[in-house]
Amino acid sequence: MRNKLIFSAISLVLGCATFMPSYAGYNIGVQGGLSSLGYYTADVVKSGSGSVKSNKAFGRIYAGYDFTENLGLQLGYAYYGKPEFTSSSGLKQSFTQQGVDLSGLVSLHFAHNFGFYLKGGTTWVFRSSIPDSTYFKGKASSSKLALLLGVGAIYDFTKSLSADLSVTRIFNNGNLPKMDLYGIGLTYRFGL
């Protein structure tokens, strides 16, 4: 029994190693689109009346490694935008929100260069400060760790270049509200 287990483990490792060179490799990418930052007027405006614009443009750059055709890892930096709060008197206040994320990807490719992927991981979100004033609640700069999940569709132009459409949810953590990212991106794979 022990010998069968050792033989099976060695066969599995050698089998994976046989297939890895054709798919394994580094990649870089860029994404952009719309972020829905999930803030409400009462989060920052003291009087309770006013407005908030929390749907902003976002951008993300990343570097990754594909272990196989279906498994990969990405490390990225994202700028989520600056939600803008307006008080009842017309004064405006905003802050910057950005983050660094680490996520694993599982993809399934179909014929005609088309496929889908699931993404899961964590992101460290940094938010700049808001000074206290007559109309706005002061908030110190803060950083939070939050979970992220995403789903996307992939189209491979070549083995090295692909485009994707994705939806990613960053879950709330304390006073950091949930965020939804709707993006389009390009990925370049080295050595294919």
N, C-alpha and C. Protein backbone atom coordinates (compact mmCIF):
# COMPACT_ATOMS: atom_id res chain seq x y z
N MET A 1 0.83 -1.20 0.00
CA MET A 1 0.00 0.00 0.00
C MET A 1 0.87 1.26 0.00
N ARG A 2 1.92 1.25 0.85
CA ARG A 2 2.80 2.41 0.95
C ARG A 2 3.51 2.65 -0.37
N ASN A 3 3.98 1.60 -1.02
CA ASN A 3 4.66 1.74 -2.31
C ASN A 3 3.73 2.27 -3.38
N LYS A 4 2.46 1.85 -3.36
CA LYS A 4 1.48 2.36 -4.33
C LYS A 4 1.24 3.85 -4.12
N LEU A 5 1.20 4.27 -2.87
CA LEU A 5 0.99 5.68 -2.55
C LEU A 5 2.18 6.52 -3.03
N ILE A 6 3.38 6.06 -2.77
CA ILE A 6 4.59 6.76 -3.22
C ILE A 6 4.65 6.81 -4.74
N PHE A 7 4.36 5.68 -5.39
CA PHE A 7 4.34 5.63 -6.85
C PHE A 7 3.30 6.61 -7.42
N SER A 8 2.11 6.66 -6.80
CA SER A 8 1.06 7.56 -7.27
C SER A 8 1.47 9.01 -7.12
N ALA A 9 2.10 9.36 -5.99
CA ALA A 9 2.54 10.73 -5.76
C ALA A 9 3.61 11.15 -6.77
N ILE A 10 4.58 10.25 -7.01
CA ILE A 10 5.63 10.55 -7.99
C ILE A 10 5.04 10.68 -9.38
N SER A 11 4.11 9.83 -9.75
CA SER A 11 3.46 9.91 -11.07
C SER A 11 2.70 11.21 -11.23
N LEU A 12 2.02 11.64 -10.17
CA LEU A 12 1.26 12.89 -10.23
C LEU A 12 2.20 14.08 -10.43
N VAL A 13 3.29 14.13 -9.68
CA VAL A 13 4.25 15.22 -9.81
C VAL A 13 4.88 15.23 -11.20
N LEU A 14 5.30 14.07 -11.68
CA LEU A 14 5.89 14.01 -13.02
C LEU A 14 4.89 14.34 -14.10
N GLY A 15 3.64 13.91 -13.92
CA GLY A 15 2.60 14.22 -14.89
C GLY A 15 2.34 15.71 -14.97
N CYS A 16 2.28 16.38 -13.81
CA CYS A 16 2.08 17.83 -13.79
C CYS A 16 3.28 18.54 -14.40
N ALA A 17 4.48 18.07 -14.08
CA ALA A 17 5.69 18.70 -14.61
C ALA A 17 5.75 18.57 -16.13
N THR A 18 5.22 17.48 -16.68
CA THR A 18 5.21 17.29 -18.12
C THR A 18 4.36 18.34 -18.81
N PHE A 19 3.24 18.72 -18.19
CA PHE A 19 2.32 19.67 -18.82
C PHE A 19 2.63 21.13 -18.48
N MET A 20 3.34 21.39 -17.41
CA MET A 20 3.56 22.78 -16.98
C MET A 20 4.33 23.64 -17.97
N PRO A 21 5.41 23.18 -18.61
CA PRO A 21 6.18 24.10 -19.44
C PRO A 21 5.40 24.76 -20.56
N SER A 22 4.40 24.09 -21.13
CA SER A 22 3.68 24.70 -22.24
C SER A 22 2.72 25.80 -21.79
N TYR A 23 2.35 25.85 -20.51
CA TYR A 23 1.40 26.86 -20.04
C TYR A 23 1.99 27.78 -18.99
N ALA A 24 2.99 27.33 -18.26
CA ALA A 24 3.54 28.12 -17.17
C ALA A 24 4.24 29.35 -17.71
N GLY A 25 4.10 30.44 -16.97
CA GLY A 25 4.79 31.66 -17.38
C GLY A 25 4.24 32.89 -16.71
N TYR A 26 5.00 33.96 -16.84
CA TYR A 26 4.63 35.24 -16.24
C TYR A 26 3.73 36.02 -17.19
N ASN A 27 2.94 36.92 -16.59
CA ASN A 27 2.09 37.79 -17.39
C ASN A 27 1.97 39.14 -16.72
N ILE A 28 1.59 40.14 -17.51
CA ILE A 28 1.28 41.47 -17.00
C ILE A 28 -0.04 41.90 -17.62
N GLY A 29 -0.72 42.82 -16.95
CA GLY A 29 -2.00 43.24 -17.50
C GLY A 29 -2.44 44.58 -16.97
N VAL A 30 -3.46 45.09 -17.61
CA VAL A 30 -4.07 46.36 -17.24
C VAL A 30 -5.58 46.20 -17.34
N GLN A 31 -6.30 46.82 -16.41
CA GLN A 31 -7.76 46.82 -16.44
C GLN A 31 -8.26 48.23 -16.16
N GLY A 32 -9.40 48.54 -16.68
CA GLY A 32 -10.05 49.82 -16.40
C GLY A 32 -11.55 49.65 -16.50
N GLY A 33 -12.26 50.59 -15.90
CA GLY A 33 -13.71 50.51 -15.96
C GLY A 33 -14.37 51.39 -14.92
N LEU A 34 -15.51 50.92 -14.41
CA LEU A 34 -16.33 51.67 -13.46
C LEU A 34 -16.27 51.01 -12.09
N SER A 35 -16.06 51.83 -11.06
CA SER A 35 -16.13 51.33 -9.69
C SER A 35 -17.35 51.93 -9.01
N SER A 36 -18.07 51.11 -8.28
CA SER A 36 -19.19 51.55 -7.46
C SER A 36 -18.74 51.40 -6.01
N LEU A 37 -18.43 52.52 -5.35
CA LEU A 37 -17.74 52.50 -4.07
C LEU A 37 -18.63 52.32 -2.86
N GLY A 38 -19.92 52.37 -2.98
CA GLY A 38 -20.82 52.01 -1.89
C GLY A 38 -20.94 53.00 -0.75
N TYR A 39 -20.56 54.25 -0.95
CA TYR A 39 -20.70 55.25 0.11
C TYR A 39 -22.07 55.92 0.07
N TYR A 40 -22.51 56.39 1.23
CA TYR A 40 -23.76 57.14 1.35
C TYR A 40 -23.43 58.54 1.86
N THR A 41 -24.35 59.49 1.64
CA THR A 41 -24.16 60.87 2.08
C THR A 41 -23.86 60.94 3.57
N ALA A 42 -24.59 60.18 4.38
CA ALA A 42 -24.44 60.22 5.84
C ALA A 42 -23.08 59.70 6.30
N ASP A 43 -22.32 59.02 5.44
CA ASP A 43 -20.99 58.54 5.82
C ASP A 43 -20.02 59.68 6.10
N VAL A 44 -20.22 60.82 5.43
CA VAL A 44 -19.28 61.94 5.55
C VAL A 44 -19.95 63.27 5.84
N VAL A 45 -21.15 63.52 5.29
CA VAL A 45 -21.82 64.81 5.46
C VAL A 45 -22.51 64.84 6.82
N LYS A 46 -22.24 65.90 7.63
CA LYS A 46 -22.79 66.01 8.99
C LYS A 46 -24.29 66.26 9.01
N SER A 47 -24.76 67.14 8.18
CA SER A 47 -26.17 67.54 8.25
C SER A 47 -27.12 66.45 7.78
N GLY A 48 -26.62 65.46 7.08
CA GLY A 48 -27.48 64.39 6.58
C GLY A 48 -28.07 64.69 5.22
N SER A 49 -28.12 65.96 4.85
CA SER A 49 -28.60 66.28 3.51
C SER A 49 -27.40 66.65 2.65
N GLY A 50 -27.50 66.37 1.42
CA GLY A 50 -26.41 66.58 0.49
C GLY A 50 -26.43 65.44 -0.53
N SER A 51 -25.30 65.20 -1.15
CA SER A 51 -25.25 64.13 -2.15
C SER A 51 -23.86 63.50 -2.17
N VAL A 52 -23.78 62.35 -2.81
CA VAL A 52 -22.51 61.67 -2.97
C VAL A 52 -22.45 61.09 -4.38
N LYS A 53 -21.27 61.22 -5.00
CA LYS A 53 -21.00 60.58 -6.29
C LYS A 53 -19.95 59.51 -6.02
N SER A 54 -20.40 58.25 -5.95
CA SER A 54 -19.45 57.18 -5.62
C SER A 54 -19.24 56.21 -6.78
N ASN A 55 -19.78 56.49 -7.94
CA ASN A 55 -19.49 55.70 -9.15
C ASN A 55 -18.39 56.43 -9.90
N LYS A 56 -17.21 55.85 -9.91
CA LYS A 56 -16.04 56.51 -10.46
C LYS A 56 -15.29 55.58 -11.40
N ALA A 57 -14.40 56.14 -12.19
CA ALA A 57 -13.53 55.34 -13.05
C ALA A 57 -12.45 54.71 -12.18
N PHE A 58 -12.07 53.47 -12.50
CA PHE A 58 -10.98 52.82 -11.78
C PHE A 58 -9.97 52.29 -12.78
N GLY A 59 -8.76 52.07 -12.29
CA GLY A 59 -7.70 51.48 -13.10
C GLY A 59 -6.90 50.49 -12.26
N ARG A 60 -6.41 49.45 -12.90
CA ARG A 60 -5.65 48.42 -12.19
C ARG A 60 -4.54 47.91 -13.10
N ILE A 61 -3.35 47.73 -12.54
CA ILE A 61 -2.24 47.07 -13.23
C ILE A 61 -1.85 45.86 -12.40
N TYR A 62 -1.36 44.82 -13.05
CA TYR A 62 -1.00 43.63 -12.30
C TYR A 62 0.08 42.83 -13.01
N ALA A 63 0.73 42.00 -12.21
CA ALA A 63 1.68 41.02 -12.71
C ALA A 63 1.24 39.68 -12.16
N GLY A 64 1.42 38.63 -12.93
CA GLY A 64 0.94 37.33 -12.49
C GLY A 64 1.82 36.20 -12.96
N TYR A 65 1.45 35.02 -12.52
CA TYR A 65 2.12 33.80 -12.95
C TYR A 65 1.07 32.73 -13.18
N ASP A 66 1.11 32.09 -14.34
CA ASP A 66 0.22 30.98 -14.66
C ASP A 66 0.96 29.68 -14.38
N PHE A 67 0.46 28.89 -13.43
CA PHE A 67 1.05 27.59 -13.12
C PHE A 67 0.69 26.57 -14.18
N THR A 68 -0.55 26.63 -14.64
CA THR A 68 -1.05 25.77 -15.71
C THR A 68 -1.97 26.64 -16.57
N GLU A 69 -2.59 26.03 -17.56
CA GLU A 69 -3.56 26.77 -18.38
C GLU A 69 -4.74 27.24 -17.55
N ASN A 70 -5.05 26.52 -16.47
CA ASN A 70 -6.26 26.80 -15.69
C ASN A 70 -6.02 27.42 -14.32
N LEU A 71 -4.77 27.51 -13.85
CA LEU A 71 -4.48 28.05 -12.52
C LEU A 71 -3.45 29.15 -12.60
N GLY A 72 -3.74 30.27 -11.93
CA GLY A 72 -2.81 31.39 -11.93
C GLY A 72 -2.89 32.20 -10.65
N LEU A 73 -1.97 33.13 -10.52
CA LEU A 73 -1.88 34.01 -9.36
C LEU A 73 -1.58 35.41 -9.86
N GLN A 74 -2.22 36.44 -9.24
CA GLN A 74 -1.99 37.82 -9.65
C GLN A 74 -1.71 38.69 -8.43
N LEU A 75 -0.81 39.66 -8.60
CA LEU A 75 -0.54 40.70 -7.62
C LEU A 75 -0.78 42.01 -8.33
N GLY A 76 -1.69 42.84 -7.82
CA GLY A 76 -2.05 44.05 -8.54
C GLY A 76 -2.16 45.28 -7.66
N TYR A 77 -2.13 46.43 -8.32
CA TYR A 77 -2.38 47.73 -7.69
C TYR A 77 -3.59 48.33 -8.39
N ALA A 78 -4.54 48.86 -7.60
CA ALA A 78 -5.74 49.45 -8.18
C ALA A 78 -6.00 50.84 -7.60
N TYR A 79 -6.40 51.75 -8.46
CA TYR A 79 -6.89 53.06 -8.05
C TYR A 79 -8.41 53.00 -8.23
N TYR A 80 -9.14 53.09 -7.12
CA TYR A 80 -10.60 52.92 -7.17
C TYR A 80 -11.36 54.20 -7.44
N GLY A 81 -10.71 55.34 -7.33
CA GLY A 81 -11.38 56.61 -7.58
C GLY A 81 -11.54 57.44 -6.32
N LYS A 82 -12.12 58.62 -6.49
CA LYS A 82 -12.33 59.56 -5.39
C LYS A 82 -13.83 59.84 -5.25
N PRO A 83 -14.49 59.21 -4.28
CA PRO A 83 -15.90 59.54 -4.10
C PRO A 83 -16.04 61.01 -3.68
N GLU A 84 -17.03 61.69 -4.23
CA GLU A 84 -17.20 63.12 -3.99
C GLU A 84 -18.49 63.38 -3.21
N PHE A 85 -18.34 64.02 -2.05
CA PHE A 85 -19.48 64.35 -1.19
C PHE A 85 -19.76 65.83 -1.30
N THR A 86 -21.04 66.19 -1.38
CA THR A 86 -21.47 67.58 -1.45
C THR A 86 -22.43 67.85 -0.30
N SER A 87 -22.15 68.91 0.46
CA SER A 87 -23.03 69.27 1.58
C SER A 87 -24.24 70.05 1.06
N SER A 88 -25.21 70.30 1.95
CA SER A 88 -26.41 71.05 1.54
C SER A 88 -26.06 72.48 1.14
N SER A 89 -24.91 73.00 1.61
CA SER A 89 -24.50 74.36 1.25
C SER A 89 -23.69 74.40 -0.05
N GLY A 90 -23.43 73.24 -0.65
CA GLY A 90 -22.71 73.19 -1.91
C GLY A 90 -21.22 72.95 -1.80
N LEU A 91 -20.69 72.84 -0.57
CA LEU A 91 -19.27 72.56 -0.40
C LEU A 91 -18.99 71.10 -0.77
N LYS A 92 -17.80 70.86 -1.32
CA LYS A 92 -17.45 69.51 -1.77
C LYS A 92 -16.25 68.99 -0.99
N GLN A 93 -16.23 67.68 -0.79
CA GLN A 93 -15.13 67.00 -0.12
C GLN A 93 -14.94 65.64 -0.78
N SER A 94 -13.69 65.20 -0.92
CA SER A 94 -13.43 63.88 -1.51
C SER A 94 -12.18 63.29 -0.87
N PHE A 95 -11.97 62.01 -1.10
CA PHE A 95 -10.76 61.34 -0.64
C PHE A 95 -10.37 60.28 -1.66
N THR A 96 -9.11 59.90 -1.63
CA THR A 96 -8.58 58.91 -2.55
C THR A 96 -8.72 57.52 -1.95
N GLN A 97 -9.08 56.57 -2.78
CA GLN A 97 -9.16 55.18 -2.34
C GLN A 97 -8.41 54.31 -3.35
N GLN A 98 -7.47 53.51 -2.84
CA GLN A 98 -6.64 52.66 -3.70
C GLN A 98 -6.29 51.39 -2.94
N GLY A 99 -5.72 50.41 -3.63
CA GLY A 99 -5.42 49.16 -2.95
C GLY A 99 -4.43 48.28 -3.68
N VAL A 100 -3.92 47.30 -2.94
CA VAL A 100 -3.02 46.27 -3.46
C VAL A 100 -3.71 44.93 -3.23
N ASP A 101 -3.80 44.11 -4.26
CA ASP A 101 -4.53 42.85 -4.13
C ASP A 101 -3.67 41.65 -4.52
N LEU A 102 -3.99 40.52 -3.93
CA LEU A 102 -3.39 39.24 -4.26
C LEU A 102 -4.53 38.25 -4.46
N SER A 103 -4.59 37.64 -5.64
CA SER A 103 -5.71 36.75 -5.93
C SER A 103 -5.28 35.56 -6.76
N GLY A 104 -5.98 34.46 -6.56
CA GLY A 104 -5.80 33.26 -7.36
C GLY A 104 -6.89 33.19 -8.42
N LEU A 105 -6.56 32.65 -9.58
CA LEU A 105 -7.51 32.54 -10.68
C LEU A 105 -7.64 31.08 -11.11
N VAL A 106 -8.87 30.69 -11.36
CA VAL A 106 -9.18 29.38 -11.92
C VAL A 106 -9.95 29.66 -13.21
N SER A 107 -9.44 29.16 -14.34
CA SER A 107 -10.09 29.45 -15.62
C SER A 107 -10.45 28.17 -16.34
N LEU A 108 -11.44 28.29 -17.21
CA LEU A 108 -11.89 27.19 -18.04
C LEU A 108 -12.01 27.71 -19.46
N HIS A 109 -11.21 27.15 -20.37
CA HIS A 109 -11.19 27.61 -21.76
C HIS A 109 -12.01 26.68 -22.64
N PHE A 110 -12.73 27.28 -23.59
CA PHE A 110 -13.54 26.54 -24.55
C PHE A 110 -12.93 26.72 -25.94
N ALA A 111 -13.59 26.17 -26.92
CA ALA A 111 -13.14 26.33 -28.31
C ALA A 111 -13.27 27.78 -28.74
N HIS A 112 -12.63 28.10 -29.83
CA HIS A 112 -12.68 29.43 -30.44
C HIS A 112 -12.10 30.50 -29.52
N ASN A 113 -11.07 30.16 -28.72
CA ASN A 113 -10.32 31.12 -27.92
C ASN A 113 -11.13 31.80 -26.83
N PHE A 114 -12.21 31.22 -26.38
CA PHE A 114 -13.10 31.84 -25.41
C PHE A 114 -13.09 31.04 -24.11
N GLY A 115 -13.24 31.74 -22.98
CA GLY A 115 -13.28 31.05 -21.70
C GLY A 115 -13.83 31.93 -20.58
N PHE A 116 -13.92 31.35 -19.40
CA PHE A 116 -14.39 32.05 -18.21
C PHE A 116 -13.37 31.86 -17.09
N TYR A 117 -13.39 32.76 -16.11
CA TYR A 117 -12.53 32.57 -14.94
C TYR A 117 -13.23 33.02 -13.67
N LEU A 118 -12.79 32.44 -12.56
CA LEU A 118 -13.20 32.85 -11.22
C LEU A 118 -11.95 33.34 -10.52
N LYS A 119 -12.12 34.40 -9.73
CA LYS A 119 -10.99 34.99 -9.03
C LYS A 119 -11.36 35.14 -7.56
N GLY A 120 -10.43 34.84 -6.67
CA GLY A 120 -10.66 35.01 -5.24
C GLY A 120 -9.37 35.38 -4.55
N GLY A 121 -9.48 36.23 -3.53
CA GLY A 121 -8.28 36.63 -2.82
C GLY A 121 -8.56 37.70 -1.79
N THR A 122 -7.57 38.54 -1.59
CA THR A 122 -7.69 39.60 -0.60
C THR A 122 -7.08 40.88 -1.15
N THR A 123 -7.53 42.01 -0.62
CA THR A 123 -6.99 43.30 -1.03
C THR A 123 -6.78 44.16 0.19
N TRP A 124 -5.72 44.93 0.18
CA TRP A 124 -5.43 45.90 1.22
C TRP A 124 -5.85 47.25 0.65
N VAL A 125 -6.89 47.85 1.22
CA VAL A 125 -7.45 49.10 0.71
C VAL A 125 -6.99 50.26 1.59
N PHE A 126 -6.44 51.30 0.97
CA PHE A 126 -6.02 52.51 1.68
C PHE A 126 -6.95 53.65 1.30
N ARG A 127 -7.42 54.37 2.32
CA ARG A 127 -8.29 55.54 2.10
C ARG A 127 -7.62 56.75 2.74
N SER A 128 -7.52 57.86 2.00
CA SER A 128 -6.91 59.07 2.54
C SER A 128 -7.86 59.75 3.53
N SER A 129 -7.36 60.74 4.23
CA SER A 129 -8.14 61.38 5.30
C SER A 129 -9.10 62.45 4.78
N ILE A 130 -10.07 62.79 5.63
CA ILE A 130 -11.00 63.89 5.38
C ILE A 130 -10.93 64.79 6.59
N PRO A 131 -10.61 66.08 6.42
CA PRO A 131 -10.56 66.98 7.58
C PRO A 131 -11.95 67.26 8.14
N ASP A 132 -12.01 67.42 9.45
CA ASP A 132 -13.27 67.75 10.11
C ASP A 132 -13.61 69.22 9.82
N SER A 133 -14.88 69.50 9.55
CA SER A 133 -15.31 70.87 9.29
C SER A 133 -16.75 71.02 9.74
N THR A 134 -17.32 72.17 9.49
CA THR A 134 -18.70 72.44 9.88
C THR A 134 -19.67 71.49 9.18
N TYR A 135 -19.37 71.13 7.95
CA TYR A 135 -20.31 70.34 7.15
C TYR A 135 -19.92 68.87 7.00
N PHE A 136 -18.65 68.54 7.25
CA PHE A 136 -18.18 67.17 7.00
C PHE A 136 -17.60 66.53 8.25
N LYS A 137 -17.86 65.24 8.40
CA LYS A 137 -17.29 64.46 9.50
C LYS A 137 -15.83 64.17 9.18
N GLY A 138 -14.96 64.43 10.12
CA GLY A 138 -13.55 64.14 9.91
C GLY A 138 -13.30 62.64 9.96
N LYS A 139 -12.48 62.16 9.06
CA LYS A 139 -12.09 60.75 9.05
C LYS A 139 -10.58 60.68 8.84
N ALA A 140 -9.93 59.95 9.74
CA ALA A 140 -8.49 59.75 9.58
C ALA A 140 -8.24 58.80 8.41
N SER A 141 -7.05 58.89 7.84
CA SER A 141 -6.72 57.92 6.79
C SER A 141 -6.71 56.53 7.43
N SER A 142 -7.09 55.56 6.65
CA SER A 142 -7.16 54.20 7.20
C SER A 142 -6.85 53.19 6.12
N SER A 143 -6.51 52.00 6.57
CA SER A 143 -6.31 50.90 5.65
C SER A 143 -6.99 49.66 6.23
N LYS A 144 -7.58 48.88 5.35
CA LYS A 144 -8.31 47.69 5.75
C LYS A 144 -7.98 46.55 4.80
N LEU A 145 -8.00 45.36 5.34
CA LEU A 145 -7.87 44.15 4.53
C LEU A 145 -9.27 43.64 4.25
N ALA A 146 -9.57 43.33 2.99
CA ALA A 146 -10.91 42.89 2.61
C ALA A 146 -10.81 41.73 1.62
N LEU A 147 -11.81 40.88 1.63
CA LEU A 147 -11.89 39.77 0.69
C LEU A 147 -12.40 40.25 -0.65
N LEU A 148 -11.99 39.58 -1.71
CA LEU A 148 -12.51 39.89 -3.04
C LEU A 148 -12.86 38.60 -3.77
N LEU A 149 -13.91 38.68 -4.56
CA LEU A 149 -14.33 37.60 -5.45
C LEU A 149 -14.69 38.21 -6.80
N GLY A 150 -14.37 37.50 -7.86
CA GLY A 150 -14.69 38.03 -9.17
C GLY A 150 -14.97 36.92 -10.17
N VAL A 151 -15.59 37.31 -11.26
CA VAL A 151 -15.89 36.41 -12.36
C VAL A 151 -15.65 37.19 -13.65
N GLY A 152 -15.18 36.48 -14.68
CA GLY A 152 -14.91 37.17 -15.92
C GLY A 152 -14.96 36.26 -17.12
N ALA A 153 -15.00 36.88 -18.29
CA ALA A 153 -14.95 36.18 -19.57
C ALA A 153 -13.66 36.57 -20.26
N ILE A 154 -13.01 35.60 -20.91
CA ILE A 154 -11.71 35.81 -21.55
C ILE A 154 -11.83 35.52 -23.05
N TYR A 155 -11.15 36.33 -23.85
CA TYR A 155 -11.00 36.02 -25.27
C TYR A 155 -9.52 36.12 -25.61
N ASP A 156 -8.94 35.04 -26.13
CA ASP A 156 -7.52 35.01 -26.50
C ASP A 156 -7.37 35.41 -27.96
N PHE A 157 -6.70 36.55 -28.20
CA PHE A 157 -6.38 36.96 -29.57
C PHE A 157 -5.28 36.07 -30.12
N THR A 158 -4.28 35.82 -29.27
CA THR A 158 -3.18 34.91 -29.57
C THR A 158 -2.87 34.16 -28.27
N LYS A 159 -1.87 33.28 -28.29
CA LYS A 159 -1.48 32.61 -27.04
C LYS A 159 -0.92 33.61 -26.04
N SER A 160 -0.36 34.71 -26.53
CA SER A 160 0.27 35.69 -25.66
C SER A 160 -0.63 36.85 -25.25
N LEU A 161 -1.66 37.16 -26.01
CA LEU A 161 -2.47 38.35 -25.75
C LEU A 161 -3.95 37.98 -25.62
N SER A 162 -4.57 38.43 -24.53
CA SER A 162 -6.00 38.17 -24.33
C SER A 162 -6.67 39.40 -23.74
N ALA A 163 -7.98 39.45 -23.92
CA ALA A 163 -8.82 40.51 -23.35
C ALA A 163 -9.82 39.86 -22.40
N ASP A 164 -10.28 40.65 -21.43
CA ASP A 164 -11.28 40.11 -20.51
C ASP A 164 -12.29 41.17 -20.11
N LEU A 165 -13.49 40.69 -19.78
CA LEU A 165 -14.55 41.50 -19.16
C LEU A 165 -14.77 40.88 -17.78
N SER A 166 -14.84 41.72 -16.74
CA SER A 166 -14.95 41.15 -15.40
C SER A 166 -15.83 41.97 -14.48
N VAL A 167 -16.32 41.29 -13.45
CA VAL A 167 -17.03 41.91 -12.34
C VAL A 167 -16.36 41.40 -11.07
N THR A 168 -15.94 42.33 -10.20
CA THR A 168 -15.26 41.96 -8.97
C THR A 168 -15.96 42.63 -7.80
N ARG A 169 -16.19 41.87 -6.74
CA ARG A 169 -16.77 42.42 -5.50
C ARG A 169 -15.70 42.41 -4.43
N ILE A 170 -15.47 43.58 -3.82
CA ILE A 170 -14.62 43.70 -2.64
C ILE A 170 -15.57 43.88 -1.47
N PHE A 171 -15.52 42.96 -0.53
CA PHE A 171 -16.49 42.94 0.56
C PHE A 171 -16.17 43.98 1.62
N ASN A 172 -17.22 44.45 2.31
CA ASN A 172 -17.05 45.47 3.34
C ASN A 172 -16.28 44.91 4.54
N ASN A 173 -15.60 45.82 5.23
CA ASN A 173 -14.87 45.47 6.44
C ASN A 173 -14.87 46.70 7.34
N GLY A 174 -15.61 46.66 8.44
CA GLY A 174 -15.72 47.82 9.33
C GLY A 174 -16.35 48.99 8.62
N ASN A 175 -15.66 50.16 8.63
CA ASN A 175 -16.21 51.34 7.97
C ASN A 175 -15.85 51.42 6.49
N LEU A 176 -15.25 50.37 5.95
CA LEU A 176 -15.00 50.29 4.51
C LEU A 176 -16.19 49.60 3.86
N PRO A 177 -16.97 50.32 3.05
CA PRO A 177 -18.13 49.68 2.41
C PRO A 177 -17.71 48.76 1.28
N LYS A 178 -18.63 47.94 0.84
CA LYS A 178 -18.37 47.06 -0.29
C LYS A 178 -18.10 47.89 -1.54
N MET A 179 -17.35 47.30 -2.45
CA MET A 179 -17.07 47.95 -3.73
C MET A 179 -17.31 46.95 -4.84
N ASP A 180 -17.87 47.42 -5.94
CA ASP A 180 -18.05 46.60 -7.13
C ASP A 180 -17.25 47.23 -8.26
N LEU A 181 -16.48 46.40 -8.96
CA LEU A 181 -15.66 46.87 -10.07
C LEU A 181 -16.13 46.18 -11.34
N TYR A 182 -16.44 46.97 -12.36
CA TYR A 182 -16.87 46.47 -13.66
C TYR A 182 -15.79 46.88 -14.66
N GLY A 183 -15.04 45.90 -15.17
CA GLY A 183 -13.87 46.27 -15.95
C GLY A 183 -13.67 45.51 -17.24
N ILE A 184 -12.79 46.08 -18.05
CA ILE A 184 -12.30 45.46 -19.27
C ILE A 184 -10.78 45.53 -19.20
N GLY A 185 -10.11 44.49 -19.68
CA GLY A 185 -8.66 44.48 -19.54
C GLY A 185 -7.94 43.75 -20.64
N LEU A 186 -6.62 43.90 -20.64
CA LEU A 186 -5.73 43.20 -21.56
C LEU A 186 -4.64 42.52 -20.74
N THR A 187 -4.26 41.31 -21.15
CA THR A 187 -3.19 40.54 -20.49
C THR A 187 -2.19 40.10 -21.54
N TYR A 188 -0.91 40.27 -21.23
CA TYR A 188 0.16 39.78 -22.09
C TYR A 188 0.94 38.71 -21.35
N ARG A 189 1.08 37.52 -21.98
CA ARG A 189 1.82 36.40 -21.40
C ARG A 189 3.19 36.29 -22.06
N PHE A 190 4.23 36.22 -21.25
CA PHE A 190 5.60 36.11 -21.76
C PHE A 190 5.94 34.68 -22.15
N GLY A 191 6.72 34.53 -23.19
CA GLY A 191 7.30 33.25 -23.56
C GLY A 191 6.37 32.26 -24.25
N LEU A 192 5.23 32.68 -24.74
CA LEU A 192 4.34 31.74 -25.45
C LEU A 192 4.36 32.00 -26.93
